[in-house]
Amino acid sequence: MRLSSLSLILATMTALAGCSFKGVPEPEVSVRDADWMARVPKAQEDLRYGRYLMDDPTGETPGTIVVDSKERFLYYVLPGKKVIRYGVAVGDEIYGWTGTSRIARKAEWPDWNPPAEMKARWPHVQYTKGGPDNPLGARALYLYEGNKDTLYRIHGTNEPEKIGLAVSSGCIRMRNIDVVDLYNRADVNAKVVVR
């Protein structure tokens, strides 16, 4: 088992070495962030879904966030035709959402109050106070169309093993350290395009 994991890691590193990807340094975090993120279960990370600086494939203006649901990547557009690319988990096909919205507000370690339709589907989900056991993770960016809440979020996760999959009820999940990085970069009212 260890040999096959090592082979997969080496193959992924070799594939990435041929690309023009650069790692992006970890953001600074507070003592609380470090403590609470350490309490989230660890997951083996797939290097394809790491945080990388690369050439811009989106054509959007700097400050825009673009989510490629099929490929499971989120791009934060920088000046100079560059982006930071993050791996994400996206909505299950039934619950996926596409469109253009904006970040109406941002929150650190937000409380989670599942919408009524989610509670109807899954009666076991319930209000959860912000913290390491909360499904929204370290940060949340609230997506609105005009002044209407879409009920979709870009947020952290307490299930990092699901990055790269289509598993959510439509929200865009990121590793907690990645959502902290994005939170620090993205402004309120930033354009968000989900494809």
N, C-alpha and C. Protein backbone atom coordinates (compact mmCIF):
# COMPACT_ATOMS: atom_id res chain seq x y z
N MET A 1 0.83 -1.19 0.00
CA MET A 1 0.00 0.00 0.00
C MET A 1 0.87 1.25 0.00
N ARG A 2 1.93 1.28 0.82
CA ARG A 2 2.78 2.47 0.90
C ARG A 2 3.49 2.71 -0.42
N LEU A 3 3.92 1.63 -1.09
CA LEU A 3 4.63 1.77 -2.36
C LEU A 3 3.72 2.36 -3.42
N SER A 4 2.45 1.93 -3.47
CA SER A 4 1.54 2.49 -4.48
C SER A 4 1.23 3.96 -4.19
N SER A 5 1.12 4.33 -2.91
CA SER A 5 0.90 5.74 -2.56
C SER A 5 2.10 6.58 -2.95
N LEU A 6 3.29 6.06 -2.68
CA LEU A 6 4.51 6.77 -3.05
C LEU A 6 4.60 6.91 -4.56
N SER A 7 4.25 5.86 -5.29
CA SER A 7 4.28 5.91 -6.75
C SER A 7 3.30 6.96 -7.28
N LEU A 8 2.11 7.04 -6.68
CA LEU A 8 1.11 8.03 -7.09
C LEU A 8 1.62 9.44 -6.83
N ILE A 9 2.21 9.66 -5.68
CA ILE A 9 2.75 10.98 -5.34
C ILE A 9 3.86 11.37 -6.31
N LEU A 10 4.78 10.44 -6.58
CA LEU A 10 5.87 10.74 -7.51
C LEU A 10 5.35 11.01 -8.92
N ALA A 11 4.36 10.26 -9.36
CA ALA A 11 3.78 10.48 -10.69
C ALA A 11 3.10 11.84 -10.77
N THR A 12 2.38 12.21 -9.72
CA THR A 12 1.72 13.51 -9.70
C THR A 12 2.74 14.63 -9.69
N MET A 13 3.81 14.48 -8.89
CA MET A 13 4.85 15.51 -8.84
C MET A 13 5.54 15.66 -10.19
N THR A 14 5.77 14.56 -10.87
CA THR A 14 6.39 14.60 -12.19
C THR A 14 5.48 15.31 -13.18
N ALA A 15 4.19 15.01 -13.13
CA ALA A 15 3.24 15.66 -14.04
C ALA A 15 3.18 17.16 -13.77
N LEU A 16 3.19 17.54 -12.51
CA LEU A 16 3.13 18.96 -12.18
C LEU A 16 4.42 19.68 -12.50
N ALA A 17 5.53 18.98 -12.46
CA ALA A 17 6.83 19.61 -12.74
C ALA A 17 6.88 20.14 -14.16
N GLY A 18 6.14 19.52 -15.09
CA GLY A 18 6.13 19.96 -16.47
C GLY A 18 5.24 21.17 -16.70
N CYS A 19 4.47 21.57 -15.72
CA CYS A 19 3.57 22.71 -15.86
C CYS A 19 4.23 23.96 -15.30
N SER A 20 3.64 25.11 -15.60
CA SER A 20 4.19 26.36 -15.08
C SER A 20 3.47 26.73 -13.78
N PHE A 21 3.46 25.83 -12.82
CA PHE A 21 2.81 26.03 -11.54
C PHE A 21 3.86 26.42 -10.52
N LYS A 22 3.49 27.31 -9.61
CA LYS A 22 4.33 27.64 -8.47
C LYS A 22 3.46 27.53 -7.24
N GLY A 23 4.02 26.97 -6.20
CA GLY A 23 3.28 26.92 -4.94
C GLY A 23 3.07 28.33 -4.40
N VAL A 24 2.03 28.52 -3.63
CA VAL A 24 1.73 29.80 -3.01
C VAL A 24 1.95 29.62 -1.51
N PRO A 25 2.73 30.52 -0.88
CA PRO A 25 3.01 30.37 0.55
C PRO A 25 1.74 30.30 1.40
N GLU A 26 1.84 29.64 2.52
CA GLU A 26 0.71 29.55 3.45
C GLU A 26 0.40 30.94 4.00
N PRO A 27 -0.88 31.26 4.17
CA PRO A 27 -1.24 32.54 4.78
C PRO A 27 -0.92 32.51 6.28
N GLU A 28 -0.75 33.69 6.85
CA GLU A 28 -0.59 33.76 8.30
C GLU A 28 -1.95 33.47 8.94
N VAL A 29 -1.91 32.77 10.05
CA VAL A 29 -3.15 32.45 10.76
C VAL A 29 -3.02 32.84 12.23
N SER A 30 -4.16 33.06 12.86
CA SER A 30 -4.18 33.40 14.28
C SER A 30 -3.92 32.14 15.11
N VAL A 31 -3.72 32.34 16.39
CA VAL A 31 -3.53 31.20 17.31
C VAL A 31 -4.80 30.34 17.30
N ARG A 32 -5.97 30.99 17.32
CA ARG A 32 -7.23 30.24 17.28
C ARG A 32 -7.34 29.44 16.00
N ASP A 33 -7.02 30.08 14.85
CA ASP A 33 -7.07 29.37 13.58
C ASP A 33 -6.18 28.13 13.62
N ALA A 34 -4.95 28.29 14.06
CA ALA A 34 -4.01 27.16 14.10
C ALA A 34 -4.53 26.05 15.00
N ASP A 35 -5.05 26.42 16.16
CA ASP A 35 -5.57 25.44 17.11
C ASP A 35 -6.78 24.69 16.53
N TRP A 36 -7.75 25.45 16.00
CA TRP A 36 -8.96 24.81 15.49
C TRP A 36 -8.68 24.02 14.22
N MET A 37 -7.81 24.52 13.33
CA MET A 37 -7.50 23.74 12.12
C MET A 37 -6.77 22.45 12.46
N ALA A 38 -5.99 22.46 13.53
CA ALA A 38 -5.28 21.24 13.95
C ALA A 38 -6.26 20.17 14.45
N ARG A 39 -7.46 20.58 14.84
CA ARG A 39 -8.47 19.63 15.34
C ARG A 39 -9.28 18.97 14.22
N VAL A 40 -9.17 19.51 13.00
CA VAL A 40 -9.89 18.93 11.86
C VAL A 40 -9.13 17.67 11.43
N PRO A 41 -9.83 16.57 11.16
CA PRO A 41 -9.14 15.35 10.76
C PRO A 41 -8.23 15.58 9.56
N LYS A 42 -7.08 14.97 9.58
CA LYS A 42 -6.14 15.10 8.47
C LYS A 42 -6.57 14.18 7.33
N ALA A 43 -6.23 14.58 6.12
CA ALA A 43 -6.55 13.77 4.95
C ALA A 43 -5.33 13.75 4.05
N GLN A 44 -5.12 12.65 3.37
CA GLN A 44 -4.03 12.59 2.40
C GLN A 44 -4.38 13.56 1.28
N GLU A 45 -3.47 14.48 0.99
CA GLU A 45 -3.75 15.49 -0.01
C GLU A 45 -3.33 15.04 -1.39
N ASP A 46 -4.16 15.33 -2.36
CA ASP A 46 -3.87 15.06 -3.76
C ASP A 46 -3.19 16.32 -4.29
N LEU A 47 -1.96 16.22 -4.74
CA LEU A 47 -1.19 17.38 -5.19
C LEU A 47 -1.86 18.14 -6.33
N ARG A 48 -2.71 17.46 -7.10
CA ARG A 48 -3.43 18.17 -8.17
C ARG A 48 -4.28 19.29 -7.62
N TYR A 49 -4.75 19.13 -6.39
CA TYR A 49 -5.67 20.10 -5.80
C TYR A 49 -4.99 21.04 -4.81
N GLY A 50 -3.68 21.18 -4.93
CA GLY A 50 -2.94 22.13 -4.10
C GLY A 50 -3.20 23.56 -4.54
N ARG A 51 -2.58 24.48 -3.84
CA ARG A 51 -2.72 25.92 -4.13
C ARG A 51 -1.52 26.34 -4.99
N TYR A 52 -1.82 26.78 -6.22
CA TYR A 52 -0.76 27.10 -7.17
C TYR A 52 -0.98 28.45 -7.83
N LEU A 53 0.13 29.14 -8.12
CA LEU A 53 0.13 30.34 -8.94
C LEU A 53 0.38 29.89 -10.37
N MET A 54 -0.44 30.36 -11.31
CA MET A 54 -0.30 29.92 -12.69
C MET A 54 -0.83 30.98 -13.65
N ASP A 55 -0.66 30.74 -14.94
CA ASP A 55 -1.20 31.64 -15.95
C ASP A 55 -2.73 31.58 -15.91
N ASP A 56 -3.35 32.72 -16.24
CA ASP A 56 -4.80 32.85 -16.14
C ASP A 56 -5.53 32.17 -17.30
N PRO A 57 -6.32 31.12 -17.02
CA PRO A 57 -7.11 30.50 -18.08
C PRO A 57 -8.53 31.09 -18.19
N THR A 58 -8.87 32.09 -17.32
CA THR A 58 -10.25 32.55 -17.22
C THR A 58 -10.58 33.75 -18.09
N GLY A 59 -9.63 34.66 -18.30
CA GLY A 59 -9.89 35.90 -19.04
C GLY A 59 -10.70 36.92 -18.25
N GLU A 60 -10.92 36.68 -16.95
CA GLU A 60 -11.69 37.60 -16.11
C GLU A 60 -10.78 38.70 -15.54
N THR A 61 -11.40 39.74 -15.01
CA THR A 61 -10.64 40.86 -14.45
C THR A 61 -10.08 40.50 -13.08
N PRO A 62 -8.95 41.12 -12.70
CA PRO A 62 -8.38 40.85 -11.37
C PRO A 62 -9.41 41.06 -10.26
N GLY A 63 -9.35 40.18 -9.25
CA GLY A 63 -10.28 40.22 -8.13
C GLY A 63 -11.48 39.32 -8.31
N THR A 64 -11.66 38.77 -9.52
CA THR A 64 -12.78 37.87 -9.79
C THR A 64 -12.44 36.47 -9.32
N ILE A 65 -13.46 35.75 -8.86
CA ILE A 65 -13.33 34.34 -8.51
C ILE A 65 -14.10 33.54 -9.55
N VAL A 66 -13.45 32.51 -10.11
CA VAL A 66 -14.08 31.64 -11.09
C VAL A 66 -14.00 30.21 -10.57
N VAL A 67 -15.14 29.53 -10.54
CA VAL A 67 -15.17 28.13 -10.11
C VAL A 67 -15.46 27.27 -11.32
N ASP A 68 -14.56 26.34 -11.60
CA ASP A 68 -14.74 25.36 -12.67
C ASP A 68 -15.25 24.08 -12.01
N SER A 69 -16.57 23.91 -12.02
CA SER A 69 -17.19 22.78 -11.32
C SER A 69 -16.78 21.43 -11.88
N LYS A 70 -16.61 21.35 -13.19
CA LYS A 70 -16.24 20.06 -13.80
C LYS A 70 -14.84 19.61 -13.41
N GLU A 71 -13.91 20.56 -13.40
CA GLU A 71 -12.52 20.23 -13.08
C GLU A 71 -12.21 20.30 -11.59
N ARG A 72 -13.14 20.88 -10.80
CA ARG A 72 -12.99 21.00 -9.34
C ARG A 72 -11.86 21.96 -8.94
N PHE A 73 -11.82 23.12 -9.63
CA PHE A 73 -10.84 24.16 -9.31
C PHE A 73 -11.54 25.49 -9.11
N LEU A 74 -11.00 26.29 -8.22
CA LEU A 74 -11.41 27.68 -8.04
C LEU A 74 -10.20 28.54 -8.39
N TYR A 75 -10.44 29.58 -9.18
CA TYR A 75 -9.37 30.49 -9.59
C TYR A 75 -9.64 31.87 -9.00
N TYR A 76 -8.62 32.45 -8.36
CA TYR A 76 -8.70 33.84 -7.94
C TYR A 76 -7.80 34.62 -8.89
N VAL A 77 -8.40 35.54 -9.65
CA VAL A 77 -7.68 36.24 -10.71
C VAL A 77 -6.83 37.38 -10.13
N LEU A 78 -5.55 37.37 -10.51
CA LEU A 78 -4.58 38.38 -10.09
C LEU A 78 -4.25 39.30 -11.25
N PRO A 79 -3.64 40.44 -10.99
CA PRO A 79 -3.14 41.27 -12.09
C PRO A 79 -2.04 40.52 -12.86
N GLY A 80 -1.75 40.98 -14.06
CA GLY A 80 -0.66 40.39 -14.84
C GLY A 80 -0.98 39.04 -15.45
N LYS A 81 -2.28 38.78 -15.68
CA LYS A 81 -2.73 37.53 -16.31
C LYS A 81 -2.28 36.28 -15.55
N LYS A 82 -2.37 36.36 -14.22
CA LYS A 82 -2.05 35.24 -13.34
C LYS A 82 -3.27 34.92 -12.48
N VAL A 83 -3.31 33.71 -11.95
CA VAL A 83 -4.35 33.30 -11.01
C VAL A 83 -3.71 32.47 -9.91
N ILE A 84 -4.41 32.40 -8.80
CA ILE A 84 -4.12 31.37 -7.80
C ILE A 84 -5.21 30.33 -7.98
N ARG A 85 -4.79 29.09 -8.18
CA ARG A 85 -5.74 27.99 -8.38
C ARG A 85 -5.78 27.14 -7.12
N TYR A 86 -7.00 26.86 -6.67
CA TYR A 86 -7.24 26.04 -5.49
C TYR A 86 -8.08 24.83 -5.89
N GLY A 87 -7.85 23.70 -5.26
CA GLY A 87 -8.74 22.56 -5.42
C GLY A 87 -9.98 22.75 -4.55
N VAL A 88 -11.12 22.29 -5.05
CA VAL A 88 -12.38 22.44 -4.31
C VAL A 88 -13.22 21.18 -4.42
N ALA A 89 -14.19 21.07 -3.54
CA ALA A 89 -15.29 20.11 -3.69
C ALA A 89 -16.49 20.95 -4.11
N VAL A 90 -17.31 20.39 -4.98
CA VAL A 90 -18.44 21.14 -5.53
C VAL A 90 -19.74 20.39 -5.27
N GLY A 91 -20.82 20.99 -5.74
CA GLY A 91 -22.13 20.40 -5.54
C GLY A 91 -22.30 19.09 -6.30
N ASP A 92 -22.95 18.15 -5.65
CA ASP A 92 -23.36 16.93 -6.31
C ASP A 92 -24.22 17.36 -7.51
N GLU A 93 -24.19 16.58 -8.58
CA GLU A 93 -24.85 16.97 -9.83
C GLU A 93 -26.29 17.45 -9.61
N ILE A 94 -27.00 16.81 -8.74
CA ILE A 94 -28.40 17.18 -8.48
C ILE A 94 -28.49 18.57 -7.85
N TYR A 95 -27.50 18.91 -7.01
CA TYR A 95 -27.57 20.16 -6.25
C TYR A 95 -26.63 21.23 -6.79
N GLY A 96 -25.92 20.95 -7.85
CA GLY A 96 -24.97 21.92 -8.39
C GLY A 96 -25.65 23.21 -8.79
N TRP A 97 -24.89 24.26 -8.76
CA TRP A 97 -25.41 25.58 -9.11
C TRP A 97 -24.38 26.26 -10.00
N THR A 98 -24.85 26.95 -11.02
CA THR A 98 -23.97 27.75 -11.86
C THR A 98 -24.58 29.14 -12.00
N GLY A 99 -23.74 30.09 -12.25
CA GLY A 99 -24.22 31.45 -12.42
C GLY A 99 -23.18 32.46 -12.00
N THR A 100 -23.59 33.72 -12.00
CA THR A 100 -22.72 34.82 -11.60
C THR A 100 -23.32 35.47 -10.37
N SER A 101 -22.49 35.69 -9.39
CA SER A 101 -22.94 36.29 -8.14
C SER A 101 -21.85 37.23 -7.63
N ARG A 102 -22.02 37.64 -6.40
CA ARG A 102 -21.00 38.48 -5.76
C ARG A 102 -20.87 38.06 -4.31
N ILE A 103 -19.73 38.38 -3.72
CA ILE A 103 -19.55 38.14 -2.29
C ILE A 103 -20.24 39.27 -1.55
N ALA A 104 -21.28 38.96 -0.81
CA ALA A 104 -22.02 39.98 -0.06
C ALA A 104 -21.45 40.18 1.33
N ARG A 105 -20.89 39.11 1.89
CA ARG A 105 -20.26 39.22 3.20
C ARG A 105 -19.30 38.07 3.41
N LYS A 106 -18.44 38.24 4.39
CA LYS A 106 -17.44 37.24 4.72
C LYS A 106 -17.48 37.00 6.24
N ALA A 107 -17.18 35.77 6.67
CA ALA A 107 -17.21 35.47 8.10
C ALA A 107 -16.11 34.48 8.46
N GLU A 108 -15.55 34.67 9.66
CA GLU A 108 -14.55 33.75 10.20
C GLU A 108 -15.25 32.75 11.11
N TRP A 109 -14.93 31.48 10.96
CA TRP A 109 -15.49 30.39 11.74
C TRP A 109 -17.00 30.60 11.96
N PRO A 110 -17.75 30.69 10.84
CA PRO A 110 -19.18 31.01 10.94
C PRO A 110 -19.99 29.87 11.54
N ASP A 111 -21.11 30.25 12.15
CA ASP A 111 -22.10 29.26 12.57
C ASP A 111 -22.76 28.72 11.30
N TRP A 112 -23.30 27.52 11.39
CA TRP A 112 -23.98 26.90 10.24
C TRP A 112 -25.42 26.63 10.62
N ASN A 113 -26.32 27.22 9.85
CA ASN A 113 -27.74 26.97 10.03
C ASN A 113 -28.27 26.45 8.70
N PRO A 114 -28.35 25.13 8.53
CA PRO A 114 -28.76 24.57 7.24
C PRO A 114 -30.11 25.10 6.79
N PRO A 115 -30.26 25.39 5.48
CA PRO A 115 -31.55 25.85 4.96
C PRO A 115 -32.64 24.79 5.14
N ALA A 116 -33.88 25.24 5.14
CA ALA A 116 -35.04 24.36 5.37
C ALA A 116 -35.06 23.19 4.39
N GLU A 117 -34.75 23.45 3.09
CA GLU A 117 -34.81 22.35 2.12
C GLU A 117 -33.75 21.28 2.40
N MET A 118 -32.60 21.69 2.95
CA MET A 118 -31.58 20.71 3.32
C MET A 118 -32.04 19.90 4.53
N LYS A 119 -32.65 20.57 5.50
CA LYS A 119 -33.16 19.86 6.68
C LYS A 119 -34.25 18.87 6.29
N ALA A 120 -35.05 19.22 5.28
CA ALA A 120 -36.10 18.31 4.82
C ALA A 120 -35.49 17.06 4.18
N ARG A 121 -34.41 17.25 3.41
CA ARG A 121 -33.73 16.11 2.76
C ARG A 121 -33.01 15.25 3.78
N TRP A 122 -32.32 15.91 4.70
CA TRP A 122 -31.48 15.21 5.68
C TRP A 122 -31.84 15.70 7.08
N PRO A 123 -32.81 15.08 7.72
CA PRO A 123 -33.26 15.54 9.04
C PRO A 123 -32.16 15.56 10.11
N HIS A 124 -31.07 14.83 9.89
CA HIS A 124 -30.01 14.79 10.89
C HIS A 124 -29.17 16.07 10.93
N VAL A 125 -29.22 16.91 9.89
CA VAL A 125 -28.41 18.13 9.91
C VAL A 125 -29.04 19.14 10.85
N GLN A 126 -28.20 19.89 11.53
CA GLN A 126 -28.71 20.83 12.52
C GLN A 126 -27.76 22.02 12.66
N TYR A 127 -28.26 23.04 13.32
CA TYR A 127 -27.46 24.22 13.61
C TYR A 127 -26.17 23.79 14.29
N THR A 128 -25.04 24.36 13.86
CA THR A 128 -23.75 24.05 14.47
C THR A 128 -22.99 25.35 14.69
N LYS A 129 -22.54 25.56 15.91
CA LYS A 129 -21.74 26.74 16.26
C LYS A 129 -20.41 26.68 15.51
N GLY A 130 -19.88 27.84 15.16
CA GLY A 130 -18.59 27.91 14.48
C GLY A 130 -17.49 27.22 15.27
N GLY A 131 -16.59 26.54 14.57
CA GLY A 131 -15.50 25.83 15.22
C GLY A 131 -15.03 24.67 14.37
N PRO A 132 -14.13 23.86 14.89
CA PRO A 132 -13.54 22.78 14.08
C PRO A 132 -14.51 21.67 13.67
N ASP A 133 -15.65 21.54 14.36
CA ASP A 133 -16.63 20.51 14.00
C ASP A 133 -17.69 21.03 13.04
N ASN A 134 -17.61 22.29 12.69
CA ASN A 134 -18.61 22.93 11.84
C ASN A 134 -18.32 22.64 10.37
N PRO A 135 -19.31 22.23 9.59
CA PRO A 135 -19.10 21.94 8.17
C PRO A 135 -18.63 23.12 7.33
N LEU A 136 -18.83 24.37 7.81
CA LEU A 136 -18.40 25.54 7.05
C LEU A 136 -16.91 25.85 7.25
N GLY A 137 -16.28 25.21 8.21
CA GLY A 137 -14.84 25.38 8.39
C GLY A 137 -14.43 26.77 8.85
N ALA A 138 -13.21 27.16 8.44
CA ALA A 138 -12.55 28.34 8.97
C ALA A 138 -13.11 29.67 8.47
N ARG A 139 -13.65 29.69 7.27
CA ARG A 139 -14.15 30.94 6.69
C ARG A 139 -15.32 30.62 5.76
N ALA A 140 -16.16 31.64 5.53
CA ALA A 140 -17.24 31.51 4.55
C ALA A 140 -17.37 32.82 3.80
N LEU A 141 -17.60 32.70 2.49
CA LEU A 141 -17.89 33.82 1.61
C LEU A 141 -19.31 33.60 1.13
N TYR A 142 -20.21 34.55 1.41
CA TYR A 142 -21.65 34.42 1.16
C TYR A 142 -21.98 34.98 -0.22
N LEU A 143 -22.57 34.16 -1.08
CA LEU A 143 -22.83 34.53 -2.46
C LEU A 143 -24.26 35.04 -2.64
N TYR A 144 -24.36 36.21 -3.24
CA TYR A 144 -25.65 36.86 -3.50
C TYR A 144 -25.77 37.18 -4.98
N GLU A 145 -26.99 37.11 -5.50
CA GLU A 145 -27.32 37.64 -6.83
C GLU A 145 -28.08 38.93 -6.58
N GLY A 146 -27.45 40.04 -6.87
CA GLY A 146 -28.02 41.33 -6.49
C GLY A 146 -28.06 41.40 -4.97
N ASN A 147 -29.26 41.63 -4.40
CA ASN A 147 -29.41 41.67 -2.94
C ASN A 147 -30.03 40.40 -2.38
N LYS A 148 -30.15 39.36 -3.22
CA LYS A 148 -30.79 38.11 -2.79
C LYS A 148 -29.73 37.05 -2.48
N ASP A 149 -29.83 36.49 -1.29
CA ASP A 149 -28.92 35.43 -0.87
C ASP A 149 -29.21 34.18 -1.70
N THR A 150 -28.18 33.65 -2.36
CA THR A 150 -28.35 32.41 -3.14
C THR A 150 -28.42 31.18 -2.25
N LEU A 151 -28.02 31.34 -0.98
CA LEU A 151 -27.86 30.26 0.00
C LEU A 151 -26.64 29.40 -0.31
N TYR A 152 -25.85 29.77 -1.32
CA TYR A 152 -24.60 29.07 -1.63
C TYR A 152 -23.44 29.84 -1.02
N ARG A 153 -22.41 29.10 -0.66
CA ARG A 153 -21.24 29.67 -0.01
C ARG A 153 -19.98 29.08 -0.62
N ILE A 154 -18.91 29.83 -0.52
CA ILE A 154 -17.56 29.28 -0.67
C ILE A 154 -17.07 29.19 0.76
N HIS A 155 -16.70 28.00 1.20
CA HIS A 155 -16.35 27.86 2.62
C HIS A 155 -15.32 26.76 2.83
N GLY A 156 -14.80 26.73 4.04
CA GLY A 156 -13.87 25.67 4.44
C GLY A 156 -14.62 24.37 4.64
N THR A 157 -13.94 23.41 5.24
CA THR A 157 -14.59 22.11 5.45
C THR A 157 -13.95 21.38 6.63
N ASN A 158 -14.74 20.52 7.26
CA ASN A 158 -14.20 19.59 8.25
C ASN A 158 -14.07 18.20 7.64
N GLU A 159 -14.16 18.12 6.30
CA GLU A 159 -13.98 16.87 5.55
C GLU A 159 -13.00 17.10 4.40
N PRO A 160 -11.73 17.38 4.71
CA PRO A 160 -10.77 17.70 3.65
C PRO A 160 -10.53 16.56 2.66
N GLU A 161 -10.87 15.35 3.03
CA GLU A 161 -10.69 14.21 2.12
C GLU A 161 -11.62 14.28 0.91
N LYS A 162 -12.61 15.16 0.94
CA LYS A 162 -13.57 15.25 -0.17
C LYS A 162 -13.21 16.32 -1.20
N ILE A 163 -12.08 17.03 -1.01
CA ILE A 163 -11.65 18.00 -2.00
C ILE A 163 -11.39 17.25 -3.31
N GLY A 164 -11.90 17.80 -4.41
CA GLY A 164 -11.77 17.16 -5.71
C GLY A 164 -12.99 16.35 -6.11
N LEU A 165 -13.99 16.31 -5.23
CA LEU A 165 -15.19 15.51 -5.51
C LEU A 165 -16.42 16.40 -5.67
N ALA A 166 -17.49 15.83 -6.20
CA ALA A 166 -18.80 16.50 -6.29
C ALA A 166 -19.68 15.88 -5.22
N VAL A 167 -19.72 16.52 -4.05
CA VAL A 167 -20.37 15.90 -2.90
C VAL A 167 -21.27 16.82 -2.08
N SER A 168 -21.20 18.12 -2.32
CA SER A 168 -21.92 19.04 -1.44
C SER A 168 -23.35 19.26 -1.93
N SER A 169 -24.08 20.09 -1.20
CA SER A 169 -25.43 20.48 -1.61
C SER A 169 -25.38 21.75 -2.45
N GLY A 170 -24.27 21.97 -3.11
CA GLY A 170 -24.13 23.11 -4.01
C GLY A 170 -23.06 24.09 -3.61
N CYS A 171 -22.67 24.10 -2.34
CA CYS A 171 -21.62 25.00 -1.90
C CYS A 171 -20.26 24.56 -2.45
N ILE A 172 -19.33 25.50 -2.45
CA ILE A 172 -17.97 25.25 -2.90
C ILE A 172 -17.12 25.10 -1.65
N ARG A 173 -16.57 23.91 -1.43
CA ARG A 173 -15.77 23.63 -0.24
C ARG A 173 -14.29 23.72 -0.58
N MET A 174 -13.52 24.25 0.36
CA MET A 174 -12.07 24.37 0.20
C MET A 174 -11.38 23.84 1.46
N ARG A 175 -10.11 23.46 1.32
CA ARG A 175 -9.33 23.15 2.52
C ARG A 175 -9.34 24.42 3.38
N ASN A 176 -9.31 24.27 4.70
CA ASN A 176 -9.39 25.43 5.58
C ASN A 176 -8.26 26.43 5.34
N ILE A 177 -7.04 25.97 5.15
CA ILE A 177 -5.94 26.89 4.92
C ILE A 177 -6.12 27.64 3.59
N ASP A 178 -6.73 26.97 2.61
CA ASP A 178 -6.98 27.62 1.32
C ASP A 178 -8.08 28.67 1.42
N VAL A 179 -9.14 28.37 2.17
CA VAL A 179 -10.22 29.35 2.29
C VAL A 179 -9.75 30.56 3.10
N VAL A 180 -8.82 30.36 4.04
CA VAL A 180 -8.24 31.50 4.75
C VAL A 180 -7.46 32.37 3.76
N ASP A 181 -6.68 31.74 2.89
CA ASP A 181 -5.92 32.48 1.88
C ASP A 181 -6.85 33.26 0.97
N LEU A 182 -7.91 32.62 0.47
CA LEU A 182 -8.86 33.30 -0.41
C LEU A 182 -9.59 34.42 0.33
N TYR A 183 -10.01 34.16 1.55
CA TYR A 183 -10.70 35.15 2.37
C TYR A 183 -9.85 36.42 2.52
N ASN A 184 -8.55 36.23 2.71
CA ASN A 184 -7.64 37.37 2.88
C ASN A 184 -7.48 38.17 1.59
N ARG A 185 -7.68 37.54 0.44
CA ARG A 185 -7.47 38.19 -0.86
C ARG A 185 -8.75 38.80 -1.44
N ALA A 186 -9.87 38.13 -1.28
CA ALA A 186 -11.12 38.52 -1.96
C ALA A 186 -11.84 39.62 -1.20
N ASP A 187 -12.35 40.58 -1.94
CA ASP A 187 -13.08 41.70 -1.35
C ASP A 187 -14.59 41.43 -1.34
N VAL A 188 -15.28 42.05 -0.40
CA VAL A 188 -16.74 42.07 -0.45
C VAL A 188 -17.12 42.75 -1.76
N ASN A 189 -18.14 42.24 -2.41
CA ASN A 189 -18.65 42.66 -3.71
C ASN A 189 -17.82 42.12 -4.88
N ALA A 190 -16.82 41.28 -4.62
CA ALA A 190 -16.07 40.65 -5.72
C ALA A 190 -17.02 39.77 -6.54
N LYS A 191 -16.80 39.78 -7.85
CA LYS A 191 -17.58 38.95 -8.76
C LYS A 191 -17.17 37.49 -8.60
N VAL A 192 -18.18 36.60 -8.60
CA VAL A 192 -17.95 35.16 -8.52
C VAL A 192 -18.70 34.51 -9.69
N VAL A 193 -17.98 33.75 -10.50
CA VAL A 193 -18.56 33.04 -11.64
C VAL A 193 -18.42 31.55 -11.36
N VAL A 194 -19.54 30.83 -11.34
CA VAL A 194 -19.52 29.38 -11.14
C VAL A 194 -19.98 28.75 -12.46
N ARG A 195 -19.08 27.97 -13.05
CA ARG A 195 -19.37 27.32 -14.35
C ARG A 195 -19.56 25.83 -14.17
